[in-house]
Amino acid sequence: MNESAEFLLSLVGWGIVALLGAVVSYFAFSVYRRHRDRSMGFLASGFVALSVASAVTWFGLYFVGADLIDCELGTTLAMALGFGLILYGLLARSG
């Protein structure tokens, strides 16, 4: 497979991840605004970091000329942040 096809597949894959993450985050933030439950706010923020921020980080680093390993490192850090926020949201008390 050539490099342009690999990039196109990566673009489509990360686009789907970002889109689905944005939809899930939108619904989670809707519940947070309705009930003012802090744990739901952290959960929604975690989904944003896990999906949208990861995709934006990967492509942002790629377009400024970073190596692929740097793109993966940035994405991994965004995902770790997202999972940390989700875990905190699940363990936090409601209210």
N, C-alpha and C. Protein backbone atom coordinates (compact mmCIF):
# COMPACT_ATOMS: atom_id res chain seq x y z
N MET A 1 0.86 -1.18 0.00
CA MET A 1 0.00 0.00 0.00
C MET A 1 0.90 1.24 0.00
N ASN A 2 0.56 2.21 -0.82
CA ASN A 2 1.40 3.40 -0.89
C ASN A 2 1.06 4.38 0.23
N GLU A 3 1.93 5.38 0.39
CA GLU A 3 1.80 6.30 1.52
C GLU A 3 0.53 7.14 1.47
N SER A 4 0.12 7.54 0.28
CA SER A 4 -1.09 8.37 0.19
C SER A 4 -2.35 7.57 0.54
N ALA A 5 -2.38 6.29 0.19
CA ALA A 5 -3.51 5.45 0.57
C ALA A 5 -3.54 5.21 2.08
N GLU A 6 -2.36 5.02 2.67
CA GLU A 6 -2.29 4.84 4.11
C GLU A 6 -2.75 6.10 4.83
N PHE A 7 -2.33 7.26 4.31
CA PHE A 7 -2.75 8.52 4.93
C PHE A 7 -4.26 8.70 4.80
N LEU A 8 -4.82 8.37 3.65
CA LEU A 8 -6.27 8.49 3.44
C LEU A 8 -7.03 7.57 4.40
N LEU A 9 -6.55 6.34 4.57
CA LEU A 9 -7.19 5.41 5.51
C LEU A 9 -7.10 5.95 6.94
N SER A 10 -5.95 6.51 7.28
CA SER A 10 -5.78 7.09 8.61
C SER A 10 -6.71 8.27 8.80
N LEU A 11 -6.84 9.10 7.79
CA LEU A 11 -7.73 10.25 7.84
C LEU A 11 -9.18 9.81 8.04
N VAL A 12 -9.60 8.80 7.31
CA VAL A 12 -10.98 8.30 7.45
C VAL A 12 -11.18 7.69 8.83
N GLY A 13 -10.24 6.88 9.27
CA GLY A 13 -10.36 6.24 10.58
C GLY A 13 -10.43 7.24 11.72
N TRP A 14 -9.49 8.19 11.75
CA TRP A 14 -9.50 9.20 12.80
C TRP A 14 -10.71 10.13 12.68
N GLY A 15 -11.17 10.34 11.46
CA GLY A 15 -12.38 11.15 11.27
C GLY A 15 -13.60 10.49 11.90
N ILE A 16 -13.71 9.18 11.72
CA ILE A 16 -14.82 8.43 12.33
C ILE A 16 -14.71 8.47 13.85
N VAL A 17 -13.50 8.27 14.37
CA VAL A 17 -13.29 8.33 15.82
C VAL A 17 -13.68 9.70 16.37
N ALA A 18 -13.23 10.77 15.69
CA ALA A 18 -13.54 12.12 16.15
C ALA A 18 -15.03 12.40 16.08
N LEU A 19 -15.69 11.97 15.00
CA LEU A 19 -17.13 12.21 14.86
C LEU A 19 -17.93 11.47 15.92
N LEU A 20 -17.66 10.19 16.10
CA LEU A 20 -18.39 9.43 17.11
C LEU A 20 -18.09 9.94 18.52
N GLY A 21 -16.85 10.31 18.77
CA GLY A 21 -16.50 10.88 20.07
C GLY A 21 -17.20 12.20 20.33
N ALA A 22 -17.32 13.01 19.29
CA ALA A 22 -18.02 14.29 19.44
C ALA A 22 -19.50 14.07 19.74
N VAL A 23 -20.11 13.08 19.11
CA VAL A 23 -21.53 12.80 19.37
C VAL A 23 -21.73 12.30 20.80
N VAL A 24 -20.90 11.36 21.23
CA VAL A 24 -20.99 10.85 22.60
C VAL A 24 -20.74 11.98 23.61
N SER A 25 -19.75 12.81 23.33
CA SER A 25 -19.44 13.93 24.22
C SER A 25 -20.58 14.93 24.28
N TYR A 26 -21.23 15.18 23.16
CA TYR A 26 -22.36 16.11 23.13
C TYR A 26 -23.48 15.62 24.05
N PHE A 27 -23.80 14.34 23.95
CA PHE A 27 -24.87 13.80 24.81
C PHE A 27 -24.45 13.79 26.28
N ALA A 28 -23.19 13.48 26.55
CA ALA A 28 -22.72 13.50 27.93
C ALA A 28 -22.75 14.92 28.50
N PHE A 29 -22.35 15.92 27.72
CA PHE A 29 -22.42 17.31 28.19
C PHE A 29 -23.86 17.77 28.35
N SER A 30 -24.76 17.25 27.52
CA SER A 30 -26.19 17.58 27.68
C SER A 30 -26.71 17.10 29.03
N VAL A 31 -26.33 15.88 29.40
CA VAL A 31 -26.76 15.35 30.70
C VAL A 31 -26.12 16.17 31.82
N TYR A 32 -24.86 16.54 31.65
CA TYR A 32 -24.18 17.35 32.66
C TYR A 32 -24.90 18.70 32.86
N ARG A 33 -25.25 19.36 31.76
CA ARG A 33 -25.92 20.66 31.88
C ARG A 33 -27.30 20.53 32.52
N ARG A 34 -27.97 19.44 32.23
CA ARG A 34 -29.31 19.24 32.78
C ARG A 34 -29.29 18.94 34.27
N HIS A 35 -28.36 18.12 34.71
CA HIS A 35 -28.35 17.65 36.10
C HIS A 35 -27.23 18.26 36.95
N ARG A 36 -26.28 18.92 36.33
CA ARG A 36 -25.13 19.51 37.03
C ARG A 36 -24.38 18.48 37.87
N ASP A 37 -24.25 17.30 37.31
CA ASP A 37 -23.53 16.22 37.98
C ASP A 37 -22.06 16.30 37.55
N ARG A 38 -21.16 16.63 38.51
CA ARG A 38 -19.75 16.80 38.19
C ARG A 38 -19.14 15.55 37.57
N SER A 39 -19.56 14.39 38.02
CA SER A 39 -18.98 13.16 37.47
C SER A 39 -19.30 13.03 35.98
N MET A 40 -20.48 13.47 35.57
CA MET A 40 -20.83 13.42 34.15
C MET A 40 -20.00 14.44 33.36
N GLY A 41 -19.66 15.55 33.97
CA GLY A 41 -18.79 16.53 33.32
C GLY A 41 -17.40 15.96 33.06
N PHE A 42 -16.85 15.25 34.05
CA PHE A 42 -15.55 14.62 33.85
C PHE A 42 -15.63 13.50 32.81
N LEU A 43 -16.73 12.76 32.83
CA LEU A 43 -16.92 11.70 31.84
C LEU A 43 -16.96 12.29 30.43
N ALA A 44 -17.71 13.36 30.26
CA ALA A 44 -17.81 14.01 28.95
C ALA A 44 -16.46 14.57 28.52
N SER A 45 -15.74 15.19 29.43
CA SER A 45 -14.41 15.73 29.11
C SER A 45 -13.45 14.61 28.72
N GLY A 46 -13.57 13.48 29.38
CA GLY A 46 -12.74 12.33 29.04
C GLY A 46 -13.00 11.83 27.63
N PHE A 47 -14.27 11.80 27.23
CA PHE A 47 -14.58 11.37 25.87
C PHE A 47 -14.05 12.36 24.84
N VAL A 48 -14.07 13.64 25.17
CA VAL A 48 -13.50 14.64 24.26
C VAL A 48 -12.00 14.41 24.10
N ALA A 49 -11.30 14.23 25.21
CA ALA A 49 -9.85 14.01 25.15
C ALA A 49 -9.52 12.69 24.45
N LEU A 50 -10.33 11.68 24.70
CA LEU A 50 -10.07 10.36 24.14
C LEU A 50 -10.25 10.32 22.63
N SER A 51 -11.21 11.05 22.13
CA SER A 51 -11.51 10.95 20.70
C SER A 51 -11.09 12.19 19.92
N VAL A 52 -11.73 13.30 20.18
CA VAL A 52 -11.49 14.51 19.38
C VAL A 52 -10.07 15.03 19.58
N ALA A 53 -9.64 15.15 20.82
CA ALA A 53 -8.29 15.66 21.09
C ALA A 53 -7.22 14.73 20.53
N SER A 54 -7.45 13.43 20.59
CA SER A 54 -6.49 12.48 20.04
C SER A 54 -6.35 12.65 18.53
N ALA A 55 -7.47 12.77 17.84
CA ALA A 55 -7.44 12.94 16.39
C ALA A 55 -6.80 14.27 16.01
N VAL A 56 -7.18 15.33 16.70
CA VAL A 56 -6.62 16.66 16.40
C VAL A 56 -5.12 16.67 16.69
N THR A 57 -4.70 16.03 17.76
CA THR A 57 -3.29 15.97 18.11
C THR A 57 -2.50 15.23 17.04
N TRP A 58 -3.01 14.08 16.60
CA TRP A 58 -2.29 13.30 15.60
C TRP A 58 -2.10 14.10 14.33
N PHE A 59 -3.20 14.63 13.80
CA PHE A 59 -3.09 15.37 12.54
C PHE A 59 -2.39 16.71 12.70
N GLY A 60 -2.56 17.35 13.84
CA GLY A 60 -1.85 18.60 14.08
C GLY A 60 -0.34 18.40 14.06
N LEU A 61 0.12 17.38 14.76
CA LEU A 61 1.56 17.09 14.77
C LEU A 61 2.04 16.64 13.40
N TYR A 62 1.23 15.86 12.71
CA TYR A 62 1.61 15.37 11.39
C TYR A 62 1.78 16.53 10.41
N PHE A 63 0.85 17.48 10.45
CA PHE A 63 0.89 18.59 9.49
C PHE A 63 1.99 19.60 9.80
N VAL A 64 2.48 19.66 11.03
CA VAL A 64 3.61 20.55 11.31
C VAL A 64 4.94 19.85 11.06
N GLY A 65 4.89 18.62 10.62
CA GLY A 65 6.10 17.92 10.20
C GLY A 65 6.73 17.03 11.23
N ALA A 66 6.00 16.69 12.27
CA ALA A 66 6.55 15.79 13.30
C ALA A 66 6.66 14.37 12.76
N ASP A 67 7.58 13.61 13.34
CA ASP A 67 7.71 12.20 12.97
C ASP A 67 6.46 11.44 13.40
N LEU A 68 6.24 10.29 12.77
CA LEU A 68 5.06 9.49 13.13
C LEU A 68 5.10 9.04 14.58
N ILE A 69 6.30 8.77 15.09
CA ILE A 69 6.40 8.36 16.49
C ILE A 69 5.98 9.49 17.42
N ASP A 70 6.29 10.73 17.05
CA ASP A 70 5.86 11.88 17.85
C ASP A 70 4.34 12.05 17.78
N CYS A 71 3.77 11.79 16.61
CA CYS A 71 2.31 11.85 16.46
C CYS A 71 1.65 10.81 17.36
N GLU A 72 2.21 9.61 17.37
CA GLU A 72 1.65 8.56 18.22
C GLU A 72 1.82 8.88 19.70
N LEU A 73 2.95 9.48 20.06
CA LEU A 73 3.18 9.85 21.46
C LEU A 73 2.17 10.90 21.91
N GLY A 74 1.94 11.91 21.08
CA GLY A 74 0.94 12.94 21.41
C GLY A 74 -0.45 12.35 21.55
N THR A 75 -0.79 11.46 20.65
CA THR A 75 -2.10 10.81 20.70
C THR A 75 -2.23 9.94 21.95
N THR A 76 -1.16 9.23 22.28
CA THR A 76 -1.18 8.38 23.46
C THR A 76 -1.37 9.21 24.73
N LEU A 77 -0.71 10.35 24.80
CA LEU A 77 -0.88 11.22 25.97
C LEU A 77 -2.31 11.76 26.06
N ALA A 78 -2.90 12.13 24.92
CA ALA A 78 -4.29 12.61 24.92
C ALA A 78 -5.24 11.49 25.36
N MET A 79 -4.98 10.27 24.90
CA MET A 79 -5.81 9.14 25.30
C MET A 79 -5.66 8.83 26.78
N ALA A 80 -4.44 8.90 27.30
CA ALA A 80 -4.21 8.67 28.73
C ALA A 80 -4.97 9.70 29.56
N LEU A 81 -4.92 10.96 29.12
CA LEU A 81 -5.69 12.01 29.80
C LEU A 81 -7.18 11.69 29.77
N GLY A 82 -7.68 11.28 28.60
CA GLY A 82 -9.09 10.94 28.47
C GLY A 82 -9.52 9.80 29.39
N PHE A 83 -8.71 8.74 29.42
CA PHE A 83 -9.05 7.63 30.30
C PHE A 83 -8.98 8.04 31.76
N GLY A 84 -8.02 8.89 32.11
CA GLY A 84 -7.93 9.38 33.48
C GLY A 84 -9.16 10.18 33.88
N LEU A 85 -9.63 11.05 32.98
CA LEU A 85 -10.84 11.84 33.27
C LEU A 85 -12.07 10.95 33.38
N ILE A 86 -12.18 9.95 32.51
CA ILE A 86 -13.31 9.03 32.58
C ILE A 86 -13.26 8.25 33.88
N LEU A 87 -12.11 7.75 34.25
CA LEU A 87 -11.99 7.00 35.50
C LEU A 87 -12.35 7.87 36.70
N TYR A 88 -11.85 9.11 36.72
CA TYR A 88 -12.20 10.02 37.82
C TYR A 88 -13.70 10.28 37.83
N GLY A 89 -14.30 10.47 36.67
CA GLY A 89 -15.75 10.70 36.60
C GLY A 89 -16.55 9.51 37.11
N LEU A 90 -16.07 8.31 36.85
CA LEU A 90 -16.77 7.11 37.32
C LEU A 90 -16.59 6.89 38.82
N LEU A 91 -15.45 7.32 39.35
CA LEU A 91 -15.19 7.10 40.78
C LEU A 91 -15.66 8.27 41.64
N ALA A 92 -15.90 9.44 41.04
CA ALA A 92 -16.29 10.62 41.81
C ALA A 92 -17.73 10.48 42.30
N ARG A 93 -18.00 11.12 43.38
CA ARG A 93 -19.37 11.13 43.89
C ARG A 93 -20.22 12.08 43.08
N SER A 94 -21.47 11.74 42.94
CA SER A 94 -22.41 12.60 42.22
C SER A 94 -22.62 13.90 43.01
N GLY A 95 -22.89 14.97 42.26
CA GLY A 95 -23.22 16.22 42.94
C GLY A 95 -22.33 17.35 42.60
